[in-house]
């Protein structure tokens, strides 16, 4: 895992924050911020933590016009992370809101079930750390969100978000996967 502060120039950091908090930016409601249908059996008895997302890019294709606006930002992040922009698989924003009596962290997961690299960028200063786990699901590290900070890690690393105690937290998750290595699981 690598932590890179000020991964983009300050002006780009401000533009991204302003874009995601603008009333024209479309957020979709999620019943659970870490739930996806393939894991229904694994999440049945776990708390569901609601939040919002915006998928800007998925399966190597833009999903919204936001990607046109963000292209230089994504190139900047890719370069600093040492990832190949041609392998960008998904770009997903997440918005986390304070929830009374939220658990220490949300559901432990990996973003995809095949080899990939994750660049997790924090759009704003907030509490609500990202936790990292070993194979026994023991916490081995945690990173506090800071505007302009990006965490680069092996996507098969177990991790979990957590809810902020006040205000909101916005993150940007970039997933990179070589198309040759993708396989349906």
N, C-alpha and C. Protein backbone atom coordinates (compact mmCIF):
# COMPACT_ATOMS: atom_id res chain seq x y z
N UNK A 1 0.84 -1.17 0.00
CA UNK A 1 0.00 0.00 0.00
C UNK A 1 0.89 1.24 0.00
N UNK A 2 0.50 2.22 -0.81
CA UNK A 2 1.20 3.50 -0.85
C UNK A 2 0.20 4.62 -0.62
N UNK A 3 0.60 5.61 0.14
CA UNK A 3 -0.20 6.81 0.35
C UNK A 3 0.50 7.96 -0.36
N UNK A 4 -0.24 8.65 -1.22
CA UNK A 4 0.30 9.78 -1.97
C UNK A 4 -0.55 11.01 -1.63
N UNK A 5 0.05 11.98 -0.95
CA UNK A 5 -0.66 13.22 -0.65
C UNK A 5 -0.47 14.20 -1.80
N UNK A 6 -1.46 15.05 -1.97
CA UNK A 6 -1.45 16.06 -3.04
C UNK A 6 -1.14 15.42 -4.39
N UNK A 7 -1.90 14.39 -4.71
CA UNK A 7 -1.69 13.64 -5.94
C UNK A 7 -1.99 14.48 -7.19
N UNK A 8 -2.80 15.52 -7.00
CA UNK A 8 -3.12 16.44 -8.10
C UNK A 8 -2.83 17.86 -7.64
N UNK A 9 -2.65 18.77 -8.58
CA UNK A 9 -2.51 20.18 -8.20
C UNK A 9 -3.75 20.64 -7.40
N UNK A 10 -3.53 21.59 -6.51
CA UNK A 10 -4.60 22.08 -5.64
C UNK A 10 -5.83 22.54 -6.42
N UNK A 11 -5.64 23.19 -7.55
CA UNK A 11 -6.78 23.67 -8.35
C UNK A 11 -7.66 22.51 -8.80
N UNK A 12 -7.03 21.38 -9.18
CA UNK A 12 -7.81 20.20 -9.59
C UNK A 12 -8.54 19.59 -8.40
N UNK A 13 -7.89 19.58 -7.24
CA UNK A 13 -8.54 19.07 -6.04
C UNK A 13 -9.81 19.86 -5.75
N UNK A 14 -9.72 21.19 -5.84
CA UNK A 14 -10.88 22.04 -5.58
C UNK A 14 -11.96 21.84 -6.64
N UNK A 15 -11.55 21.70 -7.91
CA UNK A 15 -12.53 21.49 -8.98
C UNK A 15 -13.31 20.19 -8.76
N UNK A 16 -12.60 19.13 -8.38
CA UNK A 16 -13.27 17.85 -8.17
C UNK A 16 -14.23 17.93 -6.99
N UNK A 17 -13.81 18.58 -5.92
CA UNK A 17 -14.69 18.74 -4.76
C UNK A 17 -15.93 19.54 -5.13
N UNK A 18 -15.72 20.63 -5.85
CA UNK A 18 -16.85 21.47 -6.25
C UNK A 18 -17.80 20.73 -7.18
N UNK A 19 -17.24 19.94 -8.10
CA UNK A 19 -18.07 19.19 -9.04
C UNK A 19 -18.97 18.20 -8.30
N UNK A 20 -18.42 17.49 -7.31
CA UNK A 20 -19.19 16.44 -6.64
C UNK A 20 -20.18 16.98 -5.62
N UNK A 21 -20.05 18.24 -5.24
CA UNK A 21 -21.00 18.82 -4.29
C UNK A 21 -21.96 19.80 -4.96
N UNK A 22 -21.87 19.91 -6.27
CA UNK A 22 -22.76 20.74 -7.06
C UNK A 22 -24.12 20.07 -7.17
N UNK A 23 -25.19 20.83 -7.19
CA UNK A 23 -26.53 20.23 -7.28
C UNK A 23 -26.78 19.53 -8.62
N UNK A 24 -25.97 19.79 -9.62
CA UNK A 24 -26.12 19.13 -10.92
C UNK A 24 -25.48 17.74 -10.95
N UNK A 25 -24.66 17.41 -9.96
CA UNK A 25 -23.98 16.11 -9.92
C UNK A 25 -24.99 15.07 -9.45
N UNK A 26 -25.16 13.99 -10.20
CA UNK A 26 -26.20 12.99 -9.91
C UNK A 26 -25.65 11.85 -9.06
N UNK A 27 -26.21 11.73 -7.87
CA UNK A 27 -25.87 10.64 -6.96
C UNK A 27 -26.99 9.61 -6.98
N UNK A 28 -26.63 8.34 -6.90
CA UNK A 28 -27.61 7.25 -6.81
C UNK A 28 -27.57 6.67 -5.40
N UNK A 29 -28.74 6.39 -4.87
CA UNK A 29 -28.84 5.83 -3.53
C UNK A 29 -28.40 4.37 -3.52
N UNK A 30 -27.63 4.01 -2.50
CA UNK A 30 -27.23 2.61 -2.29
C UNK A 30 -27.81 2.14 -0.96
N UNK A 31 -28.43 0.99 -0.97
CA UNK A 31 -28.93 0.40 0.27
C UNK A 31 -27.78 0.04 1.20
N UNK A 32 -26.64 -0.31 0.60
CA UNK A 32 -25.43 -0.62 1.37
C UNK A 32 -24.22 -0.17 0.55
N UNK A 33 -23.32 0.59 1.17
CA UNK A 33 -22.18 1.14 0.43
C UNK A 33 -21.19 0.09 -0.04
N UNK A 34 -21.22 -1.12 0.53
CA UNK A 34 -20.29 -2.16 0.11
C UNK A 34 -21.00 -3.37 -0.47
N UNK A 35 -22.27 -3.28 -0.65
CA UNK A 35 -23.04 -4.43 -1.15
C UNK A 35 -23.03 -4.48 -2.67
N UNK A 36 -22.85 -5.67 -3.19
CA UNK A 36 -23.10 -5.90 -4.60
C UNK A 36 -23.74 -7.27 -4.73
N UNK A 37 -24.60 -7.42 -5.73
CA UNK A 37 -25.50 -8.58 -5.80
C UNK A 37 -24.79 -9.93 -5.74
N UNK A 38 -23.54 -10.02 -6.21
CA UNK A 38 -22.83 -11.30 -6.18
C UNK A 38 -22.52 -11.76 -4.76
N UNK A 39 -22.57 -10.84 -3.80
CA UNK A 39 -22.23 -11.17 -2.43
C UNK A 39 -23.43 -11.23 -1.50
N UNK A 40 -24.62 -11.43 -2.04
CA UNK A 40 -25.83 -11.43 -1.23
C UNK A 40 -25.71 -12.40 -0.05
N UNK A 41 -25.22 -13.59 -0.28
CA UNK A 41 -25.10 -14.58 0.80
C UNK A 41 -24.13 -14.12 1.88
N UNK A 42 -23.09 -13.40 1.50
CA UNK A 42 -22.08 -12.95 2.47
C UNK A 42 -22.53 -11.74 3.27
N UNK A 43 -23.58 -11.06 2.85
CA UNK A 43 -23.98 -9.83 3.53
C UNK A 43 -25.34 -9.95 4.22
N UNK A 44 -25.95 -11.11 4.16
CA UNK A 44 -27.30 -11.27 4.70
C UNK A 44 -27.40 -10.90 6.18
N UNK A 45 -26.43 -11.28 7.00
CA UNK A 45 -26.51 -11.03 8.43
C UNK A 45 -25.65 -9.87 8.89
N UNK A 46 -25.19 -9.07 7.98
CA UNK A 46 -24.33 -7.95 8.32
C UNK A 46 -25.14 -6.66 8.22
N UNK A 47 -24.74 -5.64 8.98
CA UNK A 47 -25.49 -4.38 8.90
C UNK A 47 -25.37 -3.77 7.51
N UNK A 48 -26.44 -3.16 7.09
CA UNK A 48 -26.44 -2.45 5.81
C UNK A 48 -26.27 -0.97 6.09
N UNK A 49 -25.30 -0.38 5.45
CA UNK A 49 -24.97 1.02 5.66
C UNK A 49 -25.31 1.78 4.38
N UNK A 50 -26.35 2.60 4.40
CA UNK A 50 -26.74 3.33 3.19
C UNK A 50 -25.77 4.46 2.85
N UNK A 51 -25.77 4.82 1.58
CA UNK A 51 -24.93 5.90 1.10
C UNK A 51 -25.31 6.22 -0.34
N UNK A 52 -24.40 6.87 -1.05
CA UNK A 52 -24.67 7.26 -2.43
C UNK A 52 -23.45 6.96 -3.30
N UNK A 53 -23.71 6.72 -4.59
CA UNK A 53 -22.60 6.49 -5.51
C UNK A 53 -22.88 7.16 -6.85
N UNK A 54 -21.83 7.27 -7.61
CA UNK A 54 -21.92 7.76 -8.99
C UNK A 54 -20.86 6.98 -9.77
N UNK A 55 -21.31 6.12 -10.67
CA UNK A 55 -20.39 5.34 -11.50
C UNK A 55 -20.17 6.13 -12.79
N UNK A 56 -18.97 6.67 -12.94
CA UNK A 56 -18.64 7.50 -14.09
C UNK A 56 -18.06 6.69 -15.25
N UNK A 57 -17.49 5.53 -14.92
CA UNK A 57 -16.77 4.73 -15.91
C UNK A 57 -16.87 3.28 -15.44
N UNK A 58 -17.26 2.38 -16.34
CA UNK A 58 -17.37 0.97 -15.94
C UNK A 58 -17.09 0.07 -17.15
N UNK A 59 -16.40 -1.01 -16.88
CA UNK A 59 -16.04 -1.99 -17.92
C UNK A 59 -15.37 -1.31 -19.12
N UNK A 60 -14.41 -0.43 -18.80
CA UNK A 60 -13.58 0.26 -19.78
C UNK A 60 -14.33 1.28 -20.64
N UNK A 61 -15.53 1.68 -20.20
CA UNK A 61 -16.32 2.64 -20.99
C UNK A 61 -16.90 3.73 -20.09
N UNK A 62 -16.92 4.97 -20.60
CA UNK A 62 -17.57 6.05 -19.85
C UNK A 62 -19.06 5.75 -19.67
N UNK A 63 -19.56 6.09 -18.50
CA UNK A 63 -20.99 5.91 -18.20
C UNK A 63 -21.69 7.26 -18.10
N UNK A 64 -20.92 8.31 -17.83
CA UNK A 64 -21.48 9.67 -17.75
C UNK A 64 -20.51 10.65 -18.39
N UNK A 65 -21.00 11.84 -18.65
CA UNK A 65 -20.16 12.89 -19.26
C UNK A 65 -19.09 13.40 -18.31
N UNK A 66 -19.18 13.05 -17.06
CA UNK A 66 -18.21 13.50 -16.06
C UNK A 66 -16.79 13.10 -16.48
N UNK A 67 -16.65 11.95 -17.15
CA UNK A 67 -15.32 11.48 -17.54
C UNK A 67 -14.62 12.45 -18.49
N UNK A 68 -15.38 13.16 -19.32
CA UNK A 68 -14.76 14.16 -20.20
C UNK A 68 -14.11 15.25 -19.36
N UNK A 69 -14.78 15.65 -18.33
CA UNK A 69 -14.29 16.71 -17.45
C UNK A 69 -13.10 16.24 -16.61
N UNK A 70 -13.09 14.96 -16.27
CA UNK A 70 -12.09 14.40 -15.35
C UNK A 70 -10.87 13.79 -16.02
N UNK A 71 -10.81 13.78 -17.33
CA UNK A 71 -9.75 13.03 -18.01
C UNK A 71 -8.35 13.44 -17.56
N UNK A 72 -8.08 14.73 -17.42
CA UNK A 72 -6.75 15.16 -16.99
C UNK A 72 -6.49 14.76 -15.54
N UNK A 73 -7.52 14.76 -14.71
CA UNK A 73 -7.37 14.34 -13.32
C UNK A 73 -7.02 12.86 -13.24
N UNK A 74 -7.72 12.04 -14.03
CA UNK A 74 -7.47 10.60 -14.04
C UNK A 74 -6.06 10.31 -14.56
N UNK A 75 -5.63 11.02 -15.59
CA UNK A 75 -4.27 10.83 -16.10
C UNK A 75 -3.23 11.20 -15.05
N UNK A 76 -3.48 12.28 -14.33
CA UNK A 76 -2.57 12.72 -13.27
C UNK A 76 -2.48 11.65 -12.18
N UNK A 77 -3.63 11.13 -11.73
CA UNK A 77 -3.65 10.10 -10.69
C UNK A 77 -2.97 8.82 -11.18
N UNK A 78 -3.25 8.44 -12.43
CA UNK A 78 -2.64 7.23 -12.99
C UNK A 78 -1.12 7.34 -13.01
N UNK A 79 -0.63 8.48 -13.44
CA UNK A 79 0.82 8.68 -13.51
C UNK A 79 1.45 8.58 -12.13
N UNK A 80 0.87 9.27 -11.15
CA UNK A 80 1.43 9.24 -9.80
C UNK A 80 1.36 7.85 -9.17
N UNK A 81 0.34 7.08 -9.54
CA UNK A 81 0.17 5.75 -8.98
C UNK A 81 1.01 4.70 -9.71
N UNK A 82 1.48 5.06 -10.91
CA UNK A 82 2.23 4.09 -11.71
C UNK A 82 1.33 3.05 -12.35
N UNK A 83 0.08 3.45 -12.63
CA UNK A 83 -0.87 2.54 -13.27
C UNK A 83 -1.04 2.93 -14.73
N UNK A 84 -1.48 1.99 -15.52
CA UNK A 84 -1.68 2.20 -16.94
C UNK A 84 -3.11 2.71 -17.17
N UNK A 85 -3.30 3.94 -17.65
CA UNK A 85 -4.65 4.45 -17.85
C UNK A 85 -5.47 3.61 -18.83
N UNK A 86 -4.80 2.88 -19.72
CA UNK A 86 -5.52 2.00 -20.65
C UNK A 86 -6.16 0.82 -19.93
N UNK A 87 -5.74 0.55 -18.69
CA UNK A 87 -6.30 -0.55 -17.91
C UNK A 87 -7.37 -0.07 -16.92
N UNK A 88 -7.77 1.19 -17.03
CA UNK A 88 -8.81 1.71 -16.14
C UNK A 88 -10.11 0.97 -16.42
N UNK A 89 -10.60 0.28 -15.42
CA UNK A 89 -11.80 -0.54 -15.55
C UNK A 89 -13.04 0.19 -15.02
N UNK A 90 -12.86 0.88 -13.87
CA UNK A 90 -14.02 1.52 -13.24
C UNK A 90 -13.60 2.78 -12.49
N UNK A 91 -14.48 3.78 -12.55
CA UNK A 91 -14.34 5.01 -11.78
C UNK A 91 -15.67 5.20 -11.05
N UNK A 92 -15.60 5.15 -9.73
CA UNK A 92 -16.83 5.21 -8.94
C UNK A 92 -16.64 6.16 -7.76
N UNK A 93 -17.55 7.11 -7.65
CA UNK A 93 -17.58 8.01 -6.50
C UNK A 93 -18.45 7.40 -5.41
N UNK A 94 -18.08 7.65 -4.18
CA UNK A 94 -18.91 7.23 -3.05
C UNK A 94 -19.10 8.39 -2.10
N UNK A 95 -20.33 8.56 -1.62
CA UNK A 95 -20.61 9.57 -0.61
C UNK A 95 -21.12 8.87 0.64
N UNK A 96 -20.46 9.15 1.75
CA UNK A 96 -20.78 8.54 3.03
C UNK A 96 -21.27 9.62 3.97
N UNK A 97 -22.38 9.35 4.66
CA UNK A 97 -22.99 10.32 5.56
C UNK A 97 -22.90 9.80 7.00
N UNK A 98 -22.92 10.70 7.97
CA UNK A 98 -22.88 10.24 9.36
C UNK A 98 -24.13 9.42 9.68
N UNK A 99 -23.92 8.33 10.36
CA UNK A 99 -25.02 7.46 10.79
C UNK A 99 -24.85 7.20 12.27
N UNK A 100 -25.89 7.45 13.00
CA UNK A 100 -25.84 7.24 14.45
C UNK A 100 -25.57 5.77 14.74
N UNK A 101 -24.66 5.51 15.66
CA UNK A 101 -24.31 4.16 16.11
C UNK A 101 -23.77 3.28 14.97
N UNK A 102 -23.09 3.89 14.01
CA UNK A 102 -22.48 3.11 12.92
C UNK A 102 -21.38 2.22 13.51
N UNK A 103 -21.15 1.06 12.91
CA UNK A 103 -20.07 0.20 13.39
C UNK A 103 -18.70 0.86 13.14
N UNK A 104 -17.65 0.30 13.74
CA UNK A 104 -16.30 0.84 13.56
C UNK A 104 -15.96 0.96 12.08
N UNK A 105 -16.33 -0.05 11.31
CA UNK A 105 -16.11 -0.03 9.85
C UNK A 105 -17.26 -0.74 9.17
N UNK A 106 -17.39 -0.50 7.88
CA UNK A 106 -18.43 -1.13 7.07
C UNK A 106 -17.99 -2.54 6.70
N UNK A 107 -18.78 -3.21 5.87
CA UNK A 107 -18.48 -4.60 5.50
C UNK A 107 -17.12 -4.73 4.83
N UNK A 108 -16.38 -5.74 5.24
CA UNK A 108 -15.05 -6.04 4.68
C UNK A 108 -15.26 -6.66 3.30
N UNK A 109 -14.46 -6.21 2.33
CA UNK A 109 -14.67 -6.68 0.96
C UNK A 109 -13.43 -6.45 0.09
N UNK A 110 -13.50 -6.95 -1.12
CA UNK A 110 -12.62 -6.53 -2.21
C UNK A 110 -13.55 -5.98 -3.29
N UNK A 111 -13.05 -5.07 -4.12
CA UNK A 111 -13.92 -4.43 -5.11
C UNK A 111 -14.26 -5.36 -6.27
N UNK A 112 -13.33 -6.20 -6.64
CA UNK A 112 -13.53 -7.15 -7.73
C UNK A 112 -12.90 -8.47 -7.30
N UNK A 113 -13.23 -9.53 -7.99
CA UNK A 113 -12.74 -10.85 -7.59
C UNK A 113 -11.55 -11.34 -8.43
N UNK A 114 -10.95 -10.45 -9.19
CA UNK A 114 -9.82 -10.81 -10.03
C UNK A 114 -8.71 -9.79 -9.80
N UNK A 115 -7.48 -10.09 -10.23
CA UNK A 115 -6.36 -9.17 -9.98
C UNK A 115 -6.63 -7.77 -10.52
N UNK A 116 -6.40 -6.79 -9.67
CA UNK A 116 -6.59 -5.39 -10.05
C UNK A 116 -5.87 -4.49 -9.06
N UNK A 117 -5.73 -3.24 -9.41
CA UNK A 117 -5.13 -2.24 -8.54
C UNK A 117 -6.20 -1.20 -8.24
N UNK A 118 -6.25 -0.76 -7.00
CA UNK A 118 -7.20 0.27 -6.60
C UNK A 118 -6.44 1.55 -6.26
N UNK A 119 -6.93 2.66 -6.77
CA UNK A 119 -6.48 3.98 -6.36
C UNK A 119 -7.68 4.64 -5.71
N UNK A 120 -7.61 4.83 -4.41
CA UNK A 120 -8.71 5.41 -3.66
C UNK A 120 -8.33 6.85 -3.31
N UNK A 121 -9.05 7.78 -3.92
CA UNK A 121 -8.77 9.21 -3.76
C UNK A 121 -9.82 9.83 -2.85
N UNK A 122 -9.38 10.67 -1.92
CA UNK A 122 -10.29 11.35 -1.01
C UNK A 122 -10.56 12.76 -1.52
N UNK A 123 -11.83 13.05 -1.79
CA UNK A 123 -12.24 14.32 -2.38
C UNK A 123 -12.25 15.44 -1.34
N UNK A 124 -12.52 15.08 -0.07
CA UNK A 124 -12.58 16.11 0.97
C UNK A 124 -11.96 15.61 2.26
N UNK A 125 -11.60 16.56 3.13
CA UNK A 125 -11.14 16.22 4.47
C UNK A 125 -12.33 15.68 5.24
N UNK A 126 -12.13 14.60 5.96
CA UNK A 126 -13.21 14.01 6.74
C UNK A 126 -12.62 12.99 7.71
N UNK A 127 -13.44 12.59 8.66
CA UNK A 127 -13.08 11.39 9.41
C UNK A 127 -13.79 10.24 8.70
N UNK A 128 -13.74 9.08 9.24
CA UNK A 128 -14.31 7.93 8.53
C UNK A 128 -13.20 7.24 7.76
N UNK A 129 -12.28 6.62 8.50
CA UNK A 129 -11.09 6.01 7.91
C UNK A 129 -11.43 4.84 6.98
N UNK A 130 -10.46 4.49 6.15
CA UNK A 130 -10.48 3.26 5.37
C UNK A 130 -9.61 2.27 6.13
N UNK A 131 -10.15 1.08 6.37
CA UNK A 131 -9.44 0.04 7.12
C UNK A 131 -8.93 -1.04 6.17
N UNK A 132 -7.78 -1.61 6.49
CA UNK A 132 -7.19 -2.69 5.71
C UNK A 132 -6.99 -3.89 6.63
N UNK A 133 -7.19 -5.09 6.09
CA UNK A 133 -7.22 -6.31 6.89
C UNK A 133 -6.30 -7.38 6.32
N UNK A 134 -5.88 -8.29 7.21
CA UNK A 134 -5.14 -9.46 6.75
C UNK A 134 -6.15 -10.56 6.41
N UNK A 135 -5.64 -11.74 6.05
CA UNK A 135 -6.53 -12.85 5.65
C UNK A 135 -7.41 -13.34 6.78
N UNK A 136 -7.00 -13.04 8.03
CA UNK A 136 -7.81 -13.43 9.19
C UNK A 136 -8.81 -12.35 9.58
N UNK A 137 -8.90 -11.32 8.73
CA UNK A 137 -9.82 -10.21 8.94
C UNK A 137 -9.48 -9.37 10.17
N UNK A 138 -8.19 -9.35 10.49
CA UNK A 138 -7.68 -8.50 11.56
C UNK A 138 -7.20 -7.18 10.94
N UNK A 139 -7.48 -6.07 11.59
CA UNK A 139 -7.06 -4.76 11.08
C UNK A 139 -5.54 -4.68 11.10
N UNK A 140 -4.96 -4.34 9.94
CA UNK A 140 -3.50 -4.18 9.86
C UNK A 140 -3.09 -2.74 9.57
N UNK A 141 -4.03 -1.93 9.08
CA UNK A 141 -3.72 -0.54 8.79
C UNK A 141 -5.02 0.23 8.63
N UNK A 142 -4.92 1.55 8.71
CA UNK A 142 -6.07 2.42 8.45
C UNK A 142 -5.54 3.75 7.94
N UNK A 143 -6.33 4.36 7.06
CA UNK A 143 -5.94 5.63 6.45
C UNK A 143 -7.07 6.63 6.66
N UNK A 144 -6.70 7.81 7.12
CA UNK A 144 -7.67 8.88 7.33
C UNK A 144 -7.83 9.70 6.06
N UNK A 145 -9.07 9.96 5.65
CA UNK A 145 -9.31 10.77 4.46
C UNK A 145 -8.75 12.18 4.61
N UNK A 146 -8.10 12.63 3.57
CA UNK A 146 -7.56 13.99 3.51
C UNK A 146 -7.69 14.44 2.06
N UNK A 147 -8.25 15.60 1.84
CA UNK A 147 -8.43 16.12 0.49
C UNK A 147 -7.09 16.07 -0.26
N UNK A 148 -7.12 15.45 -1.44
CA UNK A 148 -5.91 15.35 -2.26
C UNK A 148 -5.09 14.09 -2.00
N UNK A 149 -5.47 13.29 -1.02
CA UNK A 149 -4.74 12.06 -0.69
C UNK A 149 -5.29 10.90 -1.51
N UNK A 150 -4.36 10.04 -1.95
CA UNK A 150 -4.74 8.83 -2.66
C UNK A 150 -4.00 7.64 -2.05
N UNK A 151 -4.72 6.56 -1.89
CA UNK A 151 -4.14 5.31 -1.40
C UNK A 151 -4.14 4.34 -2.57
N UNK A 152 -2.99 3.77 -2.87
CA UNK A 152 -2.85 2.80 -3.96
C UNK A 152 -2.59 1.44 -3.33
N UNK A 153 -3.40 0.43 -3.70
CA UNK A 153 -3.21 -0.89 -3.10
C UNK A 153 -3.68 -2.00 -4.03
N UNK A 154 -3.19 -3.20 -3.74
CA UNK A 154 -3.61 -4.39 -4.47
C UNK A 154 -5.09 -4.58 -4.21
N UNK A 155 -5.87 -4.65 -5.26
CA UNK A 155 -7.32 -4.73 -5.13
C UNK A 155 -7.84 -5.99 -4.47
N UNK A 156 -7.01 -7.00 -4.32
CA UNK A 156 -7.44 -8.22 -3.63
C UNK A 156 -7.21 -8.12 -2.12
N UNK A 157 -6.73 -6.96 -1.67
CA UNK A 157 -6.57 -6.71 -0.24
C UNK A 157 -7.94 -6.44 0.37
N UNK A 158 -8.25 -7.14 1.45
CA UNK A 158 -9.50 -6.89 2.15
C UNK A 158 -9.47 -5.49 2.76
N UNK A 159 -10.54 -4.75 2.58
CA UNK A 159 -10.62 -3.39 3.11
C UNK A 159 -12.07 -3.04 3.42
N UNK A 160 -12.25 -1.93 4.12
CA UNK A 160 -13.60 -1.47 4.46
C UNK A 160 -13.57 0.03 4.69
N UNK A 161 -14.61 0.67 4.25
CA UNK A 161 -14.79 2.09 4.54
C UNK A 161 -15.40 2.22 5.93
N UNK A 162 -15.51 3.44 6.39
CA UNK A 162 -16.26 3.69 7.62
C UNK A 162 -16.98 5.02 7.46
N UNK A 163 -17.99 5.21 8.26
CA UNK A 163 -18.82 6.40 8.14
C UNK A 163 -18.20 7.56 8.92
N UNK A 164 -18.33 8.76 8.39
CA UNK A 164 -17.84 9.92 9.13
C UNK A 164 -18.74 10.17 10.35
N UNK A 165 -18.20 10.83 11.34
CA UNK A 165 -19.01 11.13 12.52
C UNK A 165 -19.77 12.45 12.37
N UNK A 166 -19.31 13.27 11.42
CA UNK A 166 -19.98 14.54 11.17
C UNK A 166 -19.82 14.87 9.68
N UNK A 167 -20.68 15.68 9.17
CA UNK A 167 -20.63 16.12 7.79
C UNK A 167 -20.67 14.93 6.82
N UNK A 168 -19.87 14.92 5.79
CA UNK A 168 -19.88 13.86 4.77
C UNK A 168 -18.45 13.54 4.37
N UNK A 169 -18.30 12.39 3.71
CA UNK A 169 -17.01 12.00 3.15
C UNK A 169 -17.26 11.57 1.72
N UNK A 170 -16.46 12.08 0.78
CA UNK A 170 -16.57 11.65 -0.62
C UNK A 170 -15.23 11.04 -1.03
N UNK A 171 -15.31 9.86 -1.63
CA UNK A 171 -14.11 9.21 -2.16
C UNK A 171 -14.32 8.89 -3.63
N UNK A 172 -13.22 8.70 -4.31
CA UNK A 172 -13.22 8.34 -5.72
C UNK A 172 -12.39 7.07 -5.85
N UNK A 173 -13.02 6.01 -6.32
CA UNK A 173 -12.37 4.72 -6.43
C UNK A 173 -12.07 4.46 -7.91
N UNK A 174 -10.78 4.35 -8.24
CA UNK A 174 -10.38 4.00 -9.60
C UNK A 174 -9.85 2.58 -9.58
N UNK A 175 -10.43 1.71 -10.39
CA UNK A 175 -10.00 0.31 -10.47
C UNK A 175 -9.32 0.05 -11.79
N UNK A 176 -8.12 -0.50 -11.72
CA UNK A 176 -7.33 -0.82 -12.92
C UNK A 176 -7.16 -2.32 -13.02
N UNK A 177 -7.50 -2.88 -14.18
CA UNK A 177 -7.35 -4.32 -14.40
C UNK A 177 -6.97 -4.56 -15.85
N UNK A 178 -5.98 -5.41 -16.07
CA UNK A 178 -5.58 -5.75 -17.42
C UNK A 178 -6.67 -6.63 -18.02
N UNK A 179 -7.25 -6.24 -19.16
CA UNK A 179 -8.35 -7.01 -19.75
C UNK A 179 -7.98 -8.48 -20.01
N UNK A 180 -6.70 -8.76 -20.23
CA UNK A 180 -6.27 -10.15 -20.47
C UNK A 180 -6.46 -11.02 -19.23
N UNK A 181 -6.43 -10.40 -18.05
CA UNK A 181 -6.51 -11.16 -16.81
C UNK A 181 -7.92 -11.27 -16.25
N UNK A 182 -8.87 -10.59 -16.88
CA UNK A 182 -10.23 -10.65 -16.38
C UNK A 182 -10.86 -11.98 -16.72
N UNK A 183 -11.55 -12.51 -15.75
CA UNK A 183 -12.29 -13.75 -15.99
C UNK A 183 -13.53 -13.71 -15.13
N UNK A 184 -14.58 -14.31 -15.59
CA UNK A 184 -15.81 -14.36 -14.81
C UNK A 184 -15.64 -15.36 -13.68
N UNK A 185 -16.04 -14.93 -12.50
CA UNK A 185 -15.94 -15.81 -11.33
C UNK A 185 -17.33 -16.23 -10.93
